C-alpha cells in the first residue's frame, strides 16, 4: 500500500489556487472538532495493482471540500465550496490525452502519476452539521 492520498495532500498544499481558499486546512479522513472553514479532507478509498501493466497501480482518493457560509438576507451561498472544488479538481487532474506525466513527491518517494481524473463531485448539504460538502472522487493511475 502506498501513501498516494498523502501525496495528493502535498500537491494540494503546494497549489496556490487551493491554498488561497483553504490555507493549510487539509486534513486526513475527517475534519477536526469545530473546524475553521473552508477546509479539505482526504481519504484513500481503494488501491490495487494494475492487472495488465507490471508495477502500475490504481487508486481512488476522495478529497472532500467543506464550507459553512454565513447567511445573507436569509440565504446561504455554496459559491465558496464550489470554488474550492474547482481548485482541487484543477490541481490534481491529469489525463492520458494531455500526455503529461506528473511527479508527486512525498519525502523520499516519488509517485509518477500518468492519469488522475475526477469522476464525481456532487454538491451536498450535510444533515448533521449543515455544512456544504463536495466530495471529489479521483481515480489515479501511478507507479513508484
N, C-alpha and C. Protein backbone atom coordinates (compact mmCIF):
# COMPACT_ATOMS: atom_id res chain seq x y z
N UNK A 1 0.85 -1.18 0.00
CA UNK A 1 0.00 0.00 0.00
C UNK A 1 0.89 1.24 0.00
N UNK A 2 0.55 2.18 -0.85
CA UNK A 2 1.32 3.41 -0.96
C UNK A 2 0.70 4.50 -0.07
N UNK A 3 1.28 5.66 -0.15
CA UNK A 3 0.71 6.83 0.52
C UNK A 3 0.27 7.85 -0.53
N UNK A 4 -0.38 7.37 -1.59
CA UNK A 4 -0.79 8.24 -2.68
C UNK A 4 -1.77 9.31 -2.20
N UNK A 5 -2.58 9.00 -1.19
CA UNK A 5 -3.50 10.01 -0.66
C UNK A 5 -2.74 11.16 0.00
N UNK A 6 -1.68 10.83 0.72
CA UNK A 6 -0.86 11.85 1.36
C UNK A 6 -0.06 12.64 0.32
N UNK A 7 0.32 11.98 -0.77
CA UNK A 7 0.97 12.69 -1.88
C UNK A 7 -0.02 13.68 -2.51
N UNK A 8 -1.30 13.30 -2.60
CA UNK A 8 -2.33 14.23 -3.09
C UNK A 8 -2.39 15.46 -2.19
N UNK A 9 -2.32 15.23 -0.88
CA UNK A 9 -2.35 16.34 0.06
C UNK A 9 -1.18 17.29 -0.19
N UNK A 10 0.01 16.73 -0.44
CA UNK A 10 1.19 17.55 -0.69
C UNK A 10 1.00 18.41 -1.94
N UNK A 11 0.41 17.82 -2.99
CA UNK A 11 0.15 18.58 -4.22
C UNK A 11 -0.84 19.71 -3.94
N UNK A 12 -1.90 19.41 -3.20
CA UNK A 12 -2.90 20.44 -2.87
C UNK A 12 -2.30 21.55 -2.01
N UNK A 13 -1.49 21.17 -1.03
CA UNK A 13 -0.89 22.16 -0.12
C UNK A 13 0.12 23.06 -0.83
N UNK A 14 0.64 22.61 -1.97
CA UNK A 14 1.60 23.41 -2.74
C UNK A 14 0.95 24.21 -3.86
N UNK A 15 -0.36 24.05 -4.04
CA UNK A 15 -1.07 24.72 -5.13
C UNK A 15 -1.62 26.07 -4.66
N UNK A 16 -1.21 27.14 -5.33
CA UNK A 16 -1.61 28.49 -4.92
C UNK A 16 -3.13 28.70 -4.99
N UNK A 17 -3.79 28.12 -5.99
CA UNK A 17 -5.24 28.27 -6.10
C UNK A 17 -5.99 27.63 -4.95
N UNK A 18 -5.50 26.48 -4.51
CA UNK A 18 -6.13 25.77 -3.39
C UNK A 18 -5.84 26.49 -2.07
N UNK A 19 -4.57 26.83 -1.85
CA UNK A 19 -4.21 27.45 -0.56
C UNK A 19 -4.78 28.85 -0.41
N UNK A 20 -5.07 29.52 -1.52
CA UNK A 20 -5.72 30.84 -1.43
C UNK A 20 -7.11 30.71 -0.81
N UNK A 21 -7.72 29.55 -0.97
CA UNK A 21 -9.08 29.33 -0.45
C UNK A 21 -9.12 28.64 0.91
N UNK A 22 -8.23 27.65 1.12
CA UNK A 22 -8.29 26.87 2.36
C UNK A 22 -7.04 26.99 3.23
N UNK A 23 -6.02 27.69 2.77
CA UNK A 23 -4.77 27.74 3.53
C UNK A 23 -4.18 26.35 3.62
N UNK A 24 -3.73 25.97 4.80
CA UNK A 24 -3.19 24.63 5.04
C UNK A 24 -4.20 23.73 5.78
N UNK A 25 -5.48 24.09 5.74
CA UNK A 25 -6.53 23.30 6.40
C UNK A 25 -6.92 22.12 5.52
N UNK A 26 -6.01 21.13 5.45
CA UNK A 26 -6.17 19.93 4.64
C UNK A 26 -5.91 18.75 5.57
N UNK A 27 -6.96 18.00 5.92
CA UNK A 27 -6.89 17.01 6.99
C UNK A 27 -7.12 15.59 6.48
N UNK A 28 -6.44 14.59 7.07
CA UNK A 28 -6.72 13.21 6.70
C UNK A 28 -8.05 12.74 7.30
N UNK A 29 -8.86 12.12 6.48
CA UNK A 29 -10.07 11.38 6.87
C UNK A 29 -11.25 12.19 7.38
N UNK A 30 -11.05 13.13 8.29
CA UNK A 30 -12.20 13.90 8.79
C UNK A 30 -11.76 15.26 9.31
N UNK A 31 -12.75 16.13 9.45
CA UNK A 31 -12.48 17.47 9.97
C UNK A 31 -12.22 17.41 11.47
N UNK A 32 -11.43 18.34 11.98
CA UNK A 32 -11.27 18.42 13.44
C UNK A 32 -12.57 18.94 14.07
N UNK A 33 -12.68 18.81 15.35
CA UNK A 33 -13.83 19.36 16.07
C UNK A 33 -13.80 20.88 15.93
N UNK A 34 -14.93 21.47 15.62
CA UNK A 34 -15.08 22.92 15.43
C UNK A 34 -14.02 23.47 14.46
N UNK A 35 -14.06 23.02 13.21
CA UNK A 35 -13.04 23.44 12.23
C UNK A 35 -13.25 24.87 11.74
N UNK A 36 -12.17 25.46 11.29
CA UNK A 36 -12.25 26.71 10.54
C UNK A 36 -12.49 26.30 9.09
N UNK A 37 -13.52 26.86 8.48
CA UNK A 37 -13.88 26.51 7.11
C UNK A 37 -13.75 27.73 6.22
N UNK A 38 -13.52 27.54 4.93
CA UNK A 38 -13.49 26.28 4.19
C UNK A 38 -12.24 25.46 4.51
N UNK A 39 -12.37 24.16 4.27
CA UNK A 39 -11.28 23.22 4.53
C UNK A 39 -11.46 22.00 3.64
N UNK A 40 -10.43 21.14 3.63
CA UNK A 40 -10.46 19.89 2.87
C UNK A 40 -10.18 18.71 3.77
N UNK A 41 -10.73 17.56 3.42
CA UNK A 41 -10.31 16.29 3.99
C UNK A 41 -9.97 15.36 2.82
N UNK A 42 -9.10 14.39 3.06
CA UNK A 42 -8.73 13.44 2.01
C UNK A 42 -8.70 12.04 2.60
N UNK A 43 -9.11 11.05 1.78
CA UNK A 43 -9.15 9.65 2.22
C UNK A 43 -8.81 8.73 1.07
N UNK A 44 -8.03 7.70 1.36
CA UNK A 44 -7.77 6.65 0.38
C UNK A 44 -8.97 5.70 0.41
N UNK A 45 -9.64 5.53 -0.72
CA UNK A 45 -10.80 4.65 -0.80
C UNK A 45 -10.37 3.24 -1.18
N UNK A 46 -9.49 3.13 -2.19
CA UNK A 46 -9.01 1.81 -2.60
C UNK A 46 -7.69 1.97 -3.35
N UNK A 47 -6.93 0.87 -3.40
CA UNK A 47 -5.70 0.84 -4.17
C UNK A 47 -5.42 -0.60 -4.58
N UNK A 48 -5.13 -0.80 -5.87
CA UNK A 48 -4.85 -2.14 -6.38
C UNK A 48 -3.74 -2.07 -7.42
N UNK A 49 -3.06 -3.20 -7.62
CA UNK A 49 -2.10 -3.32 -8.72
C UNK A 49 -2.86 -3.39 -10.03
N UNK A 50 -2.32 -2.81 -11.08
CA UNK A 50 -2.92 -2.91 -12.41
C UNK A 50 -2.66 -4.33 -12.90
N UNK A 51 -3.70 -5.03 -13.29
CA UNK A 51 -3.58 -6.42 -13.72
C UNK A 51 -2.85 -6.56 -15.06
N UNK A 52 -2.75 -5.48 -15.82
CA UNK A 52 -2.19 -5.57 -17.17
C UNK A 52 -0.79 -4.98 -17.29
N UNK A 53 -0.42 -4.08 -16.39
CA UNK A 53 0.89 -3.42 -16.51
C UNK A 53 1.66 -3.60 -15.21
N UNK A 54 2.76 -4.32 -15.27
CA UNK A 54 3.56 -4.62 -14.09
C UNK A 54 4.05 -3.34 -13.41
N UNK A 55 3.82 -3.23 -12.11
CA UNK A 55 4.31 -2.11 -11.32
C UNK A 55 3.35 -0.93 -11.25
N UNK A 56 2.40 -0.88 -12.16
CA UNK A 56 1.43 0.22 -12.13
C UNK A 56 0.35 -0.07 -11.09
N UNK A 57 -0.16 1.00 -10.52
CA UNK A 57 -1.20 0.88 -9.50
C UNK A 57 -2.35 1.81 -9.86
N UNK A 58 -3.51 1.47 -9.35
CA UNK A 58 -4.70 2.32 -9.49
C UNK A 58 -5.25 2.56 -8.10
N UNK A 59 -5.62 3.80 -7.88
CA UNK A 59 -6.19 4.15 -6.56
C UNK A 59 -7.39 5.05 -6.75
N UNK A 60 -8.25 5.02 -5.76
CA UNK A 60 -9.33 6.00 -5.66
C UNK A 60 -9.09 6.80 -4.39
N UNK A 61 -9.07 8.11 -4.55
CA UNK A 61 -8.87 9.02 -3.43
C UNK A 61 -10.03 10.02 -3.44
N UNK A 62 -10.62 10.21 -2.28
CA UNK A 62 -11.68 11.22 -2.16
C UNK A 62 -11.12 12.44 -1.46
N UNK A 63 -11.29 13.60 -2.09
CA UNK A 63 -10.94 14.87 -1.47
C UNK A 63 -12.25 15.61 -1.25
N UNK A 64 -12.61 15.80 0.01
CA UNK A 64 -13.87 16.46 0.33
C UNK A 64 -13.64 17.93 0.63
N UNK A 65 -14.46 18.76 0.02
CA UNK A 65 -14.41 20.21 0.20
C UNK A 65 -15.55 20.59 1.14
N UNK A 66 -15.26 21.42 2.14
CA UNK A 66 -16.23 21.76 3.17
C UNK A 66 -16.34 23.27 3.35
N UNK A 67 -17.56 23.75 3.60
CA UNK A 67 -17.76 25.15 3.93
C UNK A 67 -19.05 25.31 4.73
N UNK A 68 -19.09 26.35 5.53
CA UNK A 68 -20.26 26.70 6.33
C UNK A 68 -20.48 28.20 6.17
N UNK A 69 -21.01 28.62 5.01
CA UNK A 69 -21.12 30.05 4.73
C UNK A 69 -22.13 30.74 5.63
N UNK A 70 -21.85 32.01 5.89
CA UNK A 70 -22.79 32.82 6.68
C UNK A 70 -24.02 33.11 5.84
N UNK A 71 -25.10 33.34 6.55
CA UNK A 71 -26.36 33.67 5.89
C UNK A 71 -26.41 35.16 5.61
N UNK A 72 -26.83 35.51 4.39
CA UNK A 72 -27.01 36.91 3.99
C UNK A 72 -28.41 37.04 3.42
N UNK A 73 -29.21 37.91 4.01
CA UNK A 73 -30.59 38.13 3.58
C UNK A 73 -31.37 36.82 3.55
N UNK A 74 -31.09 35.96 4.53
CA UNK A 74 -31.81 34.69 4.65
C UNK A 74 -31.35 33.58 3.73
N UNK A 75 -30.22 33.79 3.02
CA UNK A 75 -29.74 32.79 2.07
C UNK A 75 -28.27 32.49 2.32
N UNK A 76 -27.91 31.20 2.25
CA UNK A 76 -26.51 30.78 2.31
C UNK A 76 -26.06 30.39 0.92
N UNK A 77 -24.88 30.79 0.54
CA UNK A 77 -24.39 30.54 -0.81
C UNK A 77 -23.36 29.41 -0.84
N UNK A 78 -23.49 28.50 -1.81
CA UNK A 78 -22.48 27.46 -1.99
C UNK A 78 -21.31 27.90 -2.86
N UNK A 79 -21.19 29.19 -3.13
CA UNK A 79 -20.16 29.67 -4.06
C UNK A 79 -18.74 29.32 -3.62
N UNK A 80 -18.44 29.44 -2.34
CA UNK A 80 -17.08 29.16 -1.89
C UNK A 80 -16.75 27.68 -1.99
N UNK A 81 -17.65 26.81 -1.55
CA UNK A 81 -17.36 25.37 -1.62
C UNK A 81 -17.23 24.93 -3.08
N UNK A 82 -17.98 25.55 -3.97
CA UNK A 82 -17.87 25.24 -5.39
C UNK A 82 -16.52 25.69 -5.93
N UNK A 83 -16.07 26.87 -5.55
CA UNK A 83 -14.76 27.37 -5.97
C UNK A 83 -13.64 26.49 -5.44
N UNK A 84 -13.76 26.03 -4.20
CA UNK A 84 -12.75 25.13 -3.62
C UNK A 84 -12.70 23.83 -4.42
N UNK A 85 -13.85 23.26 -4.73
CA UNK A 85 -13.89 22.01 -5.50
C UNK A 85 -13.25 22.20 -6.88
N UNK A 86 -13.54 23.31 -7.53
CA UNK A 86 -12.95 23.58 -8.85
C UNK A 86 -11.43 23.71 -8.74
N UNK A 87 -10.93 24.33 -7.69
CA UNK A 87 -9.48 24.46 -7.50
C UNK A 87 -8.83 23.11 -7.25
N UNK A 88 -9.48 22.27 -6.45
CA UNK A 88 -8.96 20.93 -6.17
C UNK A 88 -8.90 20.10 -7.45
N UNK A 89 -9.97 20.12 -8.21
CA UNK A 89 -10.02 19.35 -9.46
C UNK A 89 -8.94 19.84 -10.42
N UNK A 90 -8.77 21.13 -10.53
CA UNK A 90 -7.74 21.69 -11.41
C UNK A 90 -6.34 21.30 -10.95
N UNK A 91 -6.10 21.30 -9.65
CA UNK A 91 -4.77 20.99 -9.11
C UNK A 91 -4.36 19.54 -9.33
N UNK A 92 -5.32 18.62 -9.26
CA UNK A 92 -4.98 17.19 -9.31
C UNK A 92 -5.16 16.54 -10.68
N UNK A 93 -6.00 17.08 -11.52
CA UNK A 93 -6.37 16.40 -12.77
C UNK A 93 -5.22 16.30 -13.75
N UNK A 94 -5.03 15.08 -14.25
CA UNK A 94 -4.08 14.76 -15.31
C UNK A 94 -4.75 13.69 -16.15
N UNK A 95 -4.79 13.85 -17.46
CA UNK A 95 -5.40 12.83 -18.31
C UNK A 95 -4.37 12.25 -19.25
N UNK A 96 -4.65 11.07 -19.74
CA UNK A 96 -3.76 10.43 -20.71
C UNK A 96 -3.68 11.27 -21.98
N UNK A 97 -4.76 11.97 -22.32
CA UNK A 97 -4.76 12.80 -23.52
C UNK A 97 -3.80 13.98 -23.41
N UNK A 98 -3.57 14.44 -22.19
CA UNK A 98 -2.63 15.54 -22.01
C UNK A 98 -1.19 15.10 -22.25
N UNK A 99 -0.97 13.78 -22.25
CA UNK A 99 0.36 13.21 -22.42
C UNK A 99 1.35 13.90 -21.48
N UNK A 100 0.87 14.14 -20.28
CA UNK A 100 1.64 14.87 -19.29
C UNK A 100 1.76 13.99 -18.05
N UNK A 101 2.95 13.54 -17.77
CA UNK A 101 3.18 12.73 -16.59
C UNK A 101 3.61 13.67 -15.47
N UNK A 102 3.04 13.47 -14.29
CA UNK A 102 3.38 14.30 -13.15
C UNK A 102 4.18 13.49 -12.15
N UNK A 103 5.02 14.15 -11.42
CA UNK A 103 5.73 13.51 -10.33
C UNK A 103 5.26 14.16 -9.03
N UNK A 104 4.62 13.36 -8.20
CA UNK A 104 4.17 13.82 -6.89
C UNK A 104 5.15 13.25 -5.88
N UNK A 105 5.79 14.09 -5.12
CA UNK A 105 6.83 13.64 -4.20
C UNK A 105 6.34 13.74 -2.77
N UNK A 106 6.63 12.69 -2.02
CA UNK A 106 6.31 12.65 -0.60
C UNK A 106 7.53 12.09 0.12
N UNK A 107 8.27 12.96 0.80
CA UNK A 107 9.51 12.52 1.43
C UNK A 107 10.48 12.03 0.36
N UNK A 108 10.97 10.80 0.52
CA UNK A 108 11.91 10.24 -0.44
C UNK A 108 11.22 9.47 -1.56
N UNK A 109 9.90 9.38 -1.52
CA UNK A 109 9.15 8.61 -2.52
C UNK A 109 8.58 9.54 -3.59
N UNK A 110 8.84 9.18 -4.84
CA UNK A 110 8.26 9.91 -5.97
C UNK A 110 7.19 9.02 -6.60
N UNK A 111 6.02 9.57 -6.81
CA UNK A 111 4.93 8.88 -7.47
C UNK A 111 4.82 9.44 -8.88
N UNK A 112 4.96 8.59 -9.88
CA UNK A 112 4.79 9.00 -11.26
C UNK A 112 3.32 8.81 -11.61
N UNK A 113 2.61 9.91 -11.76
CA UNK A 113 1.16 9.88 -11.99
C UNK A 113 0.92 10.03 -13.48
N UNK A 114 0.35 8.98 -14.09
CA UNK A 114 0.07 9.01 -15.51
C UNK A 114 -1.35 9.47 -15.81
N UNK A 115 -2.25 9.30 -14.85
CA UNK A 115 -3.61 9.77 -15.04
C UNK A 115 -4.25 10.03 -13.68
N UNK A 116 -4.95 11.14 -13.59
CA UNK A 116 -5.71 11.45 -12.38
C UNK A 116 -6.92 12.25 -12.84
N UNK A 117 -8.09 11.66 -12.66
CA UNK A 117 -9.29 12.36 -13.11
C UNK A 117 -10.37 12.30 -12.05
N UNK A 118 -11.12 13.37 -11.99
CA UNK A 118 -12.25 13.45 -11.06
C UNK A 118 -13.43 12.78 -11.73
N UNK A 119 -14.01 11.79 -11.07
CA UNK A 119 -15.13 11.04 -11.65
C UNK A 119 -16.48 11.48 -11.13
N UNK A 120 -16.49 12.22 -10.01
CA UNK A 120 -17.76 12.62 -9.41
C UNK A 120 -17.49 13.74 -8.41
N UNK A 121 -18.36 14.74 -8.38
CA UNK A 121 -18.19 15.83 -7.42
C UNK A 121 -19.55 16.50 -7.17
N UNK A 122 -20.47 15.77 -6.52
CA UNK A 122 -21.79 16.36 -6.27
C UNK A 122 -21.73 17.36 -5.12
N UNK A 123 -22.57 18.37 -5.16
CA UNK A 123 -22.66 19.30 -4.03
C UNK A 123 -23.76 18.80 -3.10
N UNK A 124 -23.41 18.65 -1.83
CA UNK A 124 -24.33 18.13 -0.83
C UNK A 124 -24.46 19.11 0.33
N UNK A 125 -25.52 18.97 1.07
CA UNK A 125 -25.70 19.71 2.32
C UNK A 125 -25.83 18.66 3.41
N UNK A 126 -24.83 18.60 4.29
CA UNK A 126 -24.79 17.57 5.33
C UNK A 126 -25.85 17.82 6.40
N UNK A 127 -26.63 16.79 6.71
CA UNK A 127 -27.71 16.91 7.69
C UNK A 127 -27.20 17.23 9.09
N UNK A 128 -26.16 16.52 9.51
CA UNK A 128 -25.68 16.63 10.89
C UNK A 128 -25.06 17.99 11.21
N UNK A 129 -24.26 18.51 10.28
CA UNK A 129 -23.52 19.75 10.55
C UNK A 129 -24.08 20.97 9.83
N UNK A 130 -24.88 20.74 8.80
CA UNK A 130 -25.41 21.79 7.92
C UNK A 130 -24.29 22.44 7.10
N UNK A 131 -23.15 21.74 6.95
CA UNK A 131 -22.05 22.22 6.12
C UNK A 131 -22.34 21.86 4.67
N UNK A 132 -21.90 22.74 3.74
CA UNK A 132 -21.83 22.35 2.34
C UNK A 132 -20.66 21.41 2.19
N UNK A 133 -20.83 20.36 1.35
CA UNK A 133 -19.82 19.32 1.18
C UNK A 133 -19.79 18.92 -0.29
N UNK A 134 -18.60 18.99 -0.90
CA UNK A 134 -18.42 18.48 -2.26
C UNK A 134 -17.35 17.40 -2.19
N UNK A 135 -17.77 16.11 -2.21
CA UNK A 135 -16.80 15.02 -2.23
C UNK A 135 -16.31 14.79 -3.66
N UNK A 136 -15.04 15.10 -3.91
CA UNK A 136 -14.44 14.92 -5.23
C UNK A 136 -13.76 13.56 -5.26
N UNK A 137 -14.25 12.69 -6.12
CA UNK A 137 -13.75 11.32 -6.22
C UNK A 137 -12.73 11.25 -7.36
N UNK A 138 -11.48 10.90 -7.06
CA UNK A 138 -10.43 10.84 -8.07
C UNK A 138 -9.99 9.40 -8.32
N UNK A 139 -9.82 9.06 -9.59
CA UNK A 139 -9.17 7.81 -9.99
C UNK A 139 -7.75 8.19 -10.40
N UNK A 140 -6.78 7.51 -9.82
CA UNK A 140 -5.37 7.84 -10.06
C UNK A 140 -4.63 6.60 -10.54
N UNK A 141 -3.89 6.74 -11.64
CA UNK A 141 -3.02 5.68 -12.12
C UNK A 141 -1.58 6.16 -11.91
N UNK A 142 -0.75 5.32 -11.27
CA UNK A 142 0.60 5.76 -10.91
C UNK A 142 1.52 4.58 -10.72
N UNK A 143 2.81 4.92 -10.59
CA UNK A 143 3.83 3.92 -10.20
C UNK A 143 4.82 4.61 -9.28
N UNK A 144 5.51 3.83 -8.48
CA UNK A 144 6.52 4.40 -7.59
C UNK A 144 7.90 3.97 -8.05
